[in-house]
PDB file of N, CA and C in Angstrom:
ATOM      1  N   MET A   1       6.165  -9.724 -12.671  1.00  0.00           N
ATOM      2  CA  MET A   1       5.305 -10.197 -11.601  1.00  0.00           C
ATOM      3  C   MET A   1       5.319  -9.187 -10.453  1.00  0.00           C
ATOM      4  N   GLU A   2       4.161  -8.986  -9.880  1.00  0.00           N
ATOM      5  CA  GLU A   2       4.020  -8.144  -8.701  1.00  0.00           C
ATOM      6  C   GLU A   2       3.740  -9.042  -7.506  1.00  0.00           C
ATOM      7  N   THR A   3       4.022  -8.543  -6.325  1.00  0.00           N
ATOM      8  CA  THR A   3       3.761  -9.281  -5.093  1.00  0.00           C
ATOM      9  C   THR A   3       3.067  -8.364  -4.104  1.00  0.00           C
ATOM     10  N   ILE A   4       2.124  -8.948  -3.344  1.00  0.00           N
ATOM     11  CA  ILE A   4       1.444  -8.211  -2.290  1.00  0.00           C
ATOM     12  C   ILE A   4       1.353  -9.118  -1.068  1.00  0.00           C
ATOM     13  N   LYS A   5       1.594  -8.564   0.101  1.00  0.00           N
ATOM     14  CA  LYS A   5       1.449  -9.311   1.347  1.00  0.00           C
ATOM     15  C   LYS A   5      -0.033  -9.517   1.621  1.00  0.00           C
ATOM     16  N   VAL A   6      -0.370 -10.688   2.194  1.00  0.00           N
ATOM     17  CA  VAL A   6      -1.752 -10.994   2.550  1.00  0.00           C
ATOM     18  C   VAL A   6      -1.746 -11.585   3.961  1.00  0.00           C
ATOM     19  N   SER A   7      -2.217 -10.822   4.931  1.00  0.00           N
ATOM     20  CA  SER A   7      -2.262 -11.289   6.311  1.00  0.00           C
ATOM     21  C   SER A   7      -3.603 -11.962   6.601  1.00  0.00           C
ATOM     22  N   GLY A   8      -3.563 -12.937   7.503  1.00  0.00           N
ATOM     23  CA  GLY A   8      -4.794 -13.581   7.944  1.00  0.00           C
ATOM     24  C   GLY A   8      -5.055 -14.944   7.326  1.00  0.00           C
ATOM     25  N   MET A   9      -4.226 -15.373   6.391  1.00  0.00           N
ATOM     26  CA  MET A   9      -4.409 -16.698   5.799  1.00  0.00           C
ATOM     27  C   MET A   9      -3.871 -17.759   6.754  1.00  0.00           C
ATOM     28  N   SER A  10      -4.625 -18.877   6.889  1.00  0.00           N
ATOM     29  CA  SER A  10      -4.186 -19.926   7.802  1.00  0.00           C
ATOM     30  C   SER A  10      -4.257 -21.332   7.212  1.00  0.00           C
ATOM     31  N   CYS A  11      -4.812 -21.474   6.001  1.00  0.00           N
ATOM     32  CA  CYS A  11      -4.970 -22.812   5.431  1.00  0.00           C
ATOM     33  C   CYS A  11      -5.062 -22.745   3.903  1.00  0.00           C
ATOM     34  N   GLN A  12      -5.149 -23.896   3.284  1.00  0.00           N
ATOM     35  CA  GLN A  12      -5.242 -23.953   1.824  1.00  0.00           C
ATOM     36  C   GLN A  12      -6.566 -23.390   1.312  1.00  0.00           C
ATOM     37  N   HIS A  13      -7.599 -23.431   2.131  1.00  0.00           N
ATOM     38  CA  HIS A  13      -8.866 -22.808   1.736  1.00  0.00           C
ATOM     39  C   HIS A  13      -8.668 -21.300   1.572  1.00  0.00           C
ATOM     40  N   CYS A  14      -7.912 -20.712   2.480  1.00  0.00           N
ATOM     41  CA  CYS A  14      -7.595 -19.280   2.391  1.00  0.00           C
ATOM     42  C   CYS A  14      -6.821 -18.982   1.106  1.00  0.00           C
ATOM     43  N   VAL A  15      -5.844 -19.827   0.804  1.00  0.00           N
ATOM     44  CA  VAL A  15      -5.052 -19.675  -0.416  1.00  0.00           C
ATOM     45  C   VAL A  15      -5.962 -19.713  -1.637  1.00  0.00           C
ATOM     46  N   ALA A  16      -6.889 -20.667  -1.659  1.00  0.00           N
ATOM     47  CA  ALA A  16      -7.808 -20.803  -2.792  1.00  0.00           C
ATOM     48  C   ALA A  16      -8.713 -19.576  -2.916  1.00  0.00           C
ATOM     49  N   ALA A  17      -9.160 -19.042  -1.786  1.00  0.00           N
ATOM     50  CA  ALA A  17     -10.047 -17.869  -1.813  1.00  0.00           C
ATOM     51  C   ALA A  17      -9.319 -16.640  -2.364  1.00  0.00           C
ATOM     52  N   VAL A  18      -8.084 -16.428  -1.938  1.00  0.00           N
ATOM     53  CA  VAL A  18      -7.311 -15.285  -2.427  1.00  0.00           C
ATOM     54  C   VAL A  18      -6.997 -15.460  -3.916  1.00  0.00           C
ATOM     55  N   THR A  19      -6.620 -16.680  -4.291  1.00  0.00           N
ATOM     56  CA  THR A  19      -6.331 -16.965  -5.699  1.00  0.00           C
ATOM     57  C   THR A  19      -7.544 -16.649  -6.564  1.00  0.00           C
ATOM     58  N   LYS A  20      -8.703 -17.129  -6.158  1.00  0.00           N
ATOM     59  CA  LYS A  20      -9.928 -16.899  -6.929  1.00  0.00           C
ATOM     60  C   LYS A  20     -10.267 -15.414  -7.016  1.00  0.00           C
ATOM     61  N   ALA A  21     -10.160 -14.709  -5.896  1.00  0.00           N
ATOM     62  CA  ALA A  21     -10.491 -13.275  -5.888  1.00  0.00           C
ATOM     63  C   ALA A  21      -9.600 -12.499  -6.848  1.00  0.00           C
ATOM     64  N   LEU A  22      -8.325 -12.832  -6.878  1.00  0.00           N
ATOM     65  CA  LEU A  22      -7.410 -12.118  -7.770  1.00  0.00           C
ATOM     66  C   LEU A  22      -7.611 -12.531  -9.227  1.00  0.00           C
ATOM     67  N   GLU A  23      -7.852 -13.817  -9.469  1.00  0.00           N
ATOM     68  CA  GLU A  23      -8.066 -14.277 -10.846  1.00  0.00           C
ATOM     69  C   GLU A  23      -9.326 -13.687 -11.463  1.00  0.00           C
ATOM     70  N   GLU A  24     -10.287 -13.296 -10.642  1.00  0.00           N
ATOM     71  CA  GLU A  24     -11.527 -12.713 -11.154  1.00  0.00           C
ATOM     72  C   GLU A  24     -11.350 -11.263 -11.614  1.00  0.00           C
ATOM     73  N   LEU A  25     -10.233 -10.641 -11.264  1.00  0.00           N
ATOM     74  CA  LEU A  25      -9.966  -9.271 -11.714  1.00  0.00           C
ATOM     75  C   LEU A  25      -9.447  -9.301 -13.144  1.00  0.00           C
ATOM     76  N   HIS A  26     -10.134  -8.609 -14.039  1.00  0.00           N
ATOM     77  CA  HIS A  26      -9.708  -8.533 -15.427  1.00  0.00           C
ATOM     78  C   HIS A  26      -8.368  -7.800 -15.488  1.00  0.00           C
ATOM     79  N   GLY A  27      -7.351  -8.483 -16.011  1.00  0.00           N
ATOM     80  CA  GLY A  27      -6.024  -7.893 -16.099  1.00  0.00           C
ATOM     81  C   GLY A  27      -5.027  -8.498 -15.122  1.00  0.00           C
ATOM     82  N   VAL A  28      -5.504  -9.381 -14.231  1.00  0.00           N
ATOM     83  CA  VAL A  28      -4.617 -10.079 -13.302  1.00  0.00           C
ATOM     84  C   VAL A  28      -4.549 -11.542 -13.730  1.00  0.00           C
ATOM     85  N   ASP A  29      -3.337 -12.043 -13.954  1.00  0.00           N
ATOM     86  CA  ASP A  29      -3.136 -13.416 -14.417  1.00  0.00           C
ATOM     87  C   ASP A  29      -1.994 -14.064 -13.640  1.00  0.00           C
ATOM     88  N   GLU A  30      -1.834 -15.348 -13.841  1.00  0.00           N
ATOM     89  CA  GLU A  30      -0.711 -16.109 -13.278  1.00  0.00           C
ATOM     90  C   GLU A  30      -0.594 -15.914 -11.767  1.00  0.00           C
ATOM     91  N   VAL A  31      -1.710 -16.078 -11.072  1.00  0.00           N
ATOM     92  CA  VAL A  31      -1.742 -15.859  -9.624  1.00  0.00           C
ATOM     93  C   VAL A  31      -1.130 -17.054  -8.895  1.00  0.00           C
ATOM     94  N   THR A  32      -0.224 -16.751  -7.969  1.00  0.00           N
ATOM     95  CA  THR A  32       0.369 -17.757  -7.091  1.00  0.00           C
ATOM     96  C   THR A  32       0.312 -17.201  -5.676  1.00  0.00           C
ATOM     97  N   VAL A  33      -0.312 -17.953  -4.766  1.00  0.00           N
ATOM     98  CA  VAL A  33      -0.429 -17.515  -3.380  1.00  0.00           C
ATOM     99  C   VAL A  33       0.411 -18.448  -2.512  1.00  0.00           C
ATOM    100  N   ASP A  34       1.289 -17.863  -1.706  1.00  0.00           N
ATOM    101  CA  ASP A  34       2.200 -18.613  -0.838  1.00  0.00           C
ATOM    102  C   ASP A  34       1.760 -18.427   0.606  1.00  0.00           C
ATOM    103  N   LEU A  35       1.215 -19.491   1.197  1.00  0.00           N
ATOM    104  CA  LEU A  35       0.716 -19.431   2.569  1.00  0.00           C
ATOM    105  C   LEU A  35       1.837 -19.133   3.559  1.00  0.00           C
ATOM    106  N   ALA A  36       2.964 -19.828   3.431  1.00  0.00           N
ATOM    107  CA  ALA A  36       4.080 -19.667   4.370  1.00  0.00           C
ATOM    108  C   ALA A  36       4.663 -18.246   4.338  1.00  0.00           C
ATOM    109  N   ALA A  37       4.745 -17.669   3.151  1.00  0.00           N
ATOM    110  CA  ALA A  37       5.296 -16.314   3.011  1.00  0.00           C
ATOM    111  C   ALA A  37       4.230 -15.235   3.225  1.00  0.00           C
ATOM    112  N   ALA A  38       2.962 -15.645   3.284  1.00  0.00           N
ATOM    113  CA  ALA A  38       1.832 -14.724   3.441  1.00  0.00           C
ATOM    114  C   ALA A  38       1.835 -13.657   2.351  1.00  0.00           C
ATOM    115  N   GLU A  39       1.922 -14.125   1.093  1.00  0.00           N
ATOM    116  CA  GLU A  39       1.917 -13.185  -0.017  1.00  0.00           C
ATOM    117  C   GLU A  39       1.336 -13.818  -1.275  1.00  0.00           C
ATOM    118  N   ALA A  40       0.925 -12.954  -2.177  1.00  0.00           N
ATOM    119  CA  ALA A  40       0.412 -13.366  -3.473  1.00  0.00           C
ATOM    120  C   ALA A  40       1.251 -12.712  -4.561  1.00  0.00           C
ATOM    121  N   SER A  41       1.592 -13.484  -5.582  1.00  0.00           N
ATOM    122  CA  SER A  41       2.317 -12.968  -6.742  1.00  0.00           C
ATOM    123  C   SER A  41       1.412 -13.106  -7.953  1.00  0.00           C
ATOM    124  N   PHE A  42       1.529 -12.163  -8.885  1.00  0.00           N
ATOM    125  CA  PHE A  42       0.642 -12.178 -10.047  1.00  0.00           C
ATOM    126  C   PHE A  42       1.199 -11.294 -11.148  1.00  0.00           C
ATOM    127  N   ALA A  43       0.755 -11.574 -12.364  1.00  0.00           N
ATOM    128  CA  ALA A  43       1.052 -10.719 -13.511  1.00  0.00           C
ATOM    129  C   ALA A  43      -0.076  -9.691 -13.588  1.00  0.00           C
ATOM    130  N   ASN A  44       0.281  -8.423 -13.686  1.00  0.00           N
ATOM    131  CA  ASN A  44      -0.706  -7.350 -13.680  1.00  0.00           C
ATOM    132  C   ASN A  44      -0.633  -6.564 -14.977  1.00  0.00           C
ATOM    133  N   SER A  45      -1.776  -6.505 -15.654  1.00  0.00           N
ATOM    134  CA  SER A  45      -1.861  -5.749 -16.907  1.00  0.00           C
ATOM    135  C   SER A  45      -2.618  -4.439 -16.699  1.00  0.00           C
ATOM    136  N   GLY A  46      -2.191  -3.656 -15.741  1.00  0.00           N
ATOM    137  CA  GLY A  46      -2.769  -2.331 -15.562  1.00  0.00           C
ATOM    138  C   GLY A  46      -3.858  -2.188 -14.523  1.00  0.00           C
ATOM    139  N   VAL A  47      -4.086  -3.185 -13.676  1.00  0.00           N
ATOM    140  CA  VAL A  47      -5.097  -3.062 -12.628  1.00  0.00           C
ATOM    141  C   VAL A  47      -4.517  -2.215 -11.499  1.00  0.00           C
ATOM    142  N   ALA A  48      -5.284  -1.240 -11.040  1.00  0.00           N
ATOM    143  CA  ALA A  48      -4.833  -0.360  -9.959  1.00  0.00           C
ATOM    144  C   ALA A  48      -4.580  -1.168  -8.694  1.00  0.00           C
ATOM    145  N   ARG A  49      -3.512  -0.832  -8.003  1.00  0.00           N
ATOM    146  CA  ARG A  49      -3.139  -1.547  -6.769  1.00  0.00           C
ATOM    147  C   ARG A  49      -4.278  -1.498  -5.757  1.00  0.00           C
ATOM    148  N   GLU A  50      -4.992  -0.392  -5.681  1.00  0.00           N
ATOM    149  CA  GLU A  50      -6.102  -0.267  -4.736  1.00  0.00           C
ATOM    150  C   GLU A  50      -7.225  -1.256  -5.061  1.00  0.00           C
ATOM    151  N   LYS A  51      -7.456  -1.524  -6.322  1.00  0.00           N
ATOM    152  CA  LYS A  51      -8.486  -2.499  -6.712  1.00  0.00           C
ATOM    153  C   LYS A  51      -8.079  -3.905  -6.268  1.00  0.00           C
ATOM    154  N   ILE A  52      -6.804  -4.214  -6.372  1.00  0.00           N
ATOM    155  CA  ILE A  52      -6.288  -5.506  -5.926  1.00  0.00           C
ATOM    156  C   ILE A  52      -6.421  -5.613  -4.409  1.00  0.00           C
ATOM    157  N   ARG A  53      -6.041  -4.567  -3.693  1.00  0.00           N
ATOM    158  CA  ARG A  53      -6.156  -4.554  -2.240  1.00  0.00           C
ATOM    159  C   ARG A  53      -7.617  -4.695  -1.818  1.00  0.00           C
ATOM    160  N   SER A  54      -8.512  -4.043  -2.521  1.00  0.00           N
ATOM    161  CA  SER A  54      -9.941  -4.113  -2.217  1.00  0.00           C
ATOM    162  C   SER A  54     -10.486  -5.531  -2.404  1.00  0.00           C
ATOM    163  N   ALA A  55     -10.073  -6.212  -3.465  1.00  0.00           N
ATOM    164  CA  ALA A  55     -10.530  -7.583  -3.717  1.00  0.00           C
ATOM    165  C   ALA A  55     -10.108  -8.509  -2.582  1.00  0.00           C
ATOM    166  N   ILE A  56      -8.915  -8.293  -2.055  1.00  0.00           N
ATOM    167  CA  ILE A  56      -8.424  -9.112  -0.941  1.00  0.00           C
ATOM    168  C   ILE A  56      -9.185  -8.776   0.340  1.00  0.00           C
ATOM    169  N   SER A  57      -9.421  -7.505   0.589  1.00  0.00           N
ATOM    170  CA  SER A  57     -10.147  -7.072   1.789  1.00  0.00           C
ATOM    171  C   SER A  57     -11.580  -7.587   1.800  1.00  0.00           C
ATOM    172  N   GLN A  58     -12.223  -7.589   0.629  1.00  0.00           N
ATOM    173  CA  GLN A  58     -13.617  -8.000   0.542  1.00  0.00           C
ATOM    174  C   GLN A  58     -13.838  -9.460   0.926  1.00  0.00           C
ATOM    175  N   ILE A  59     -12.796 -10.280   0.864  1.00  0.00           N
ATOM    176  CA  ILE A  59     -12.953 -11.686   1.251  1.00  0.00           C
ATOM    177  C   ILE A  59     -12.408 -11.948   2.658  1.00  0.00           C
ATOM    178  N   GLY A  60     -12.071 -10.880   3.383  1.00  0.00           N
ATOM    179  CA  GLY A  60     -11.732 -11.010   4.789  1.00  0.00           C
ATOM    180  C   GLY A  60     -10.271 -11.092   5.169  1.00  0.00           C
ATOM    181  N   PHE A  61      -9.384 -10.744   4.248  1.00  0.00           N
ATOM    182  CA  PHE A  61      -7.955 -10.771   4.554  1.00  0.00           C
ATOM    183  C   PHE A  61      -7.393  -9.365   4.515  1.00  0.00           C
ATOM    184  N   ASP A  62      -6.214  -9.192   5.101  1.00  0.00           N
ATOM    185  CA  ASP A  62      -5.592  -7.871   5.181  1.00  0.00           C
ATOM    186  C   ASP A  62      -4.463  -7.752   4.162  1.00  0.00           C
ATOM    187  N   PRO A  63      -4.669  -6.954   3.121  1.00  0.00           N
ATOM    188  CA  PRO A  63      -3.616  -6.774   2.126  1.00  0.00           C
ATOM    189  C   PRO A  63      -2.536  -5.795   2.589  1.00  0.00           C
ATOM    190  N   GLY A  64      -1.321  -6.074   2.226  1.00  0.00           N
ATOM    191  CA  GLY A  64      -0.236  -5.135   2.502  1.00  0.00           C
ATOM    192  C   GLY A  64      -0.119  -4.153   1.345  1.00  0.00           C
ATOM    193  N   ASP A  65       0.982  -3.433   1.310  1.00  0.00           N
ATOM    194  CA  ASP A  65       1.205  -2.461   0.231  1.00  0.00           C
ATOM    195  C   ASP A  65       1.827  -3.106  -0.976  1.00  0.00           C
TER     196      ASP A  65
END
């Protein structure tokens, strides 16, 4: 499992949006988003980290490294 910080989430709607954005990436599975920790965990089958960061940015949140 990989983890990425996600800044800007404030509610369960935000969690659902990040979850959906990551699940739509082919090769990303088992997505879990933790609002309190401000991070997302997922199984990654070769998706570039920049593509994951871009998917999070496109929906209005700030991805960490």
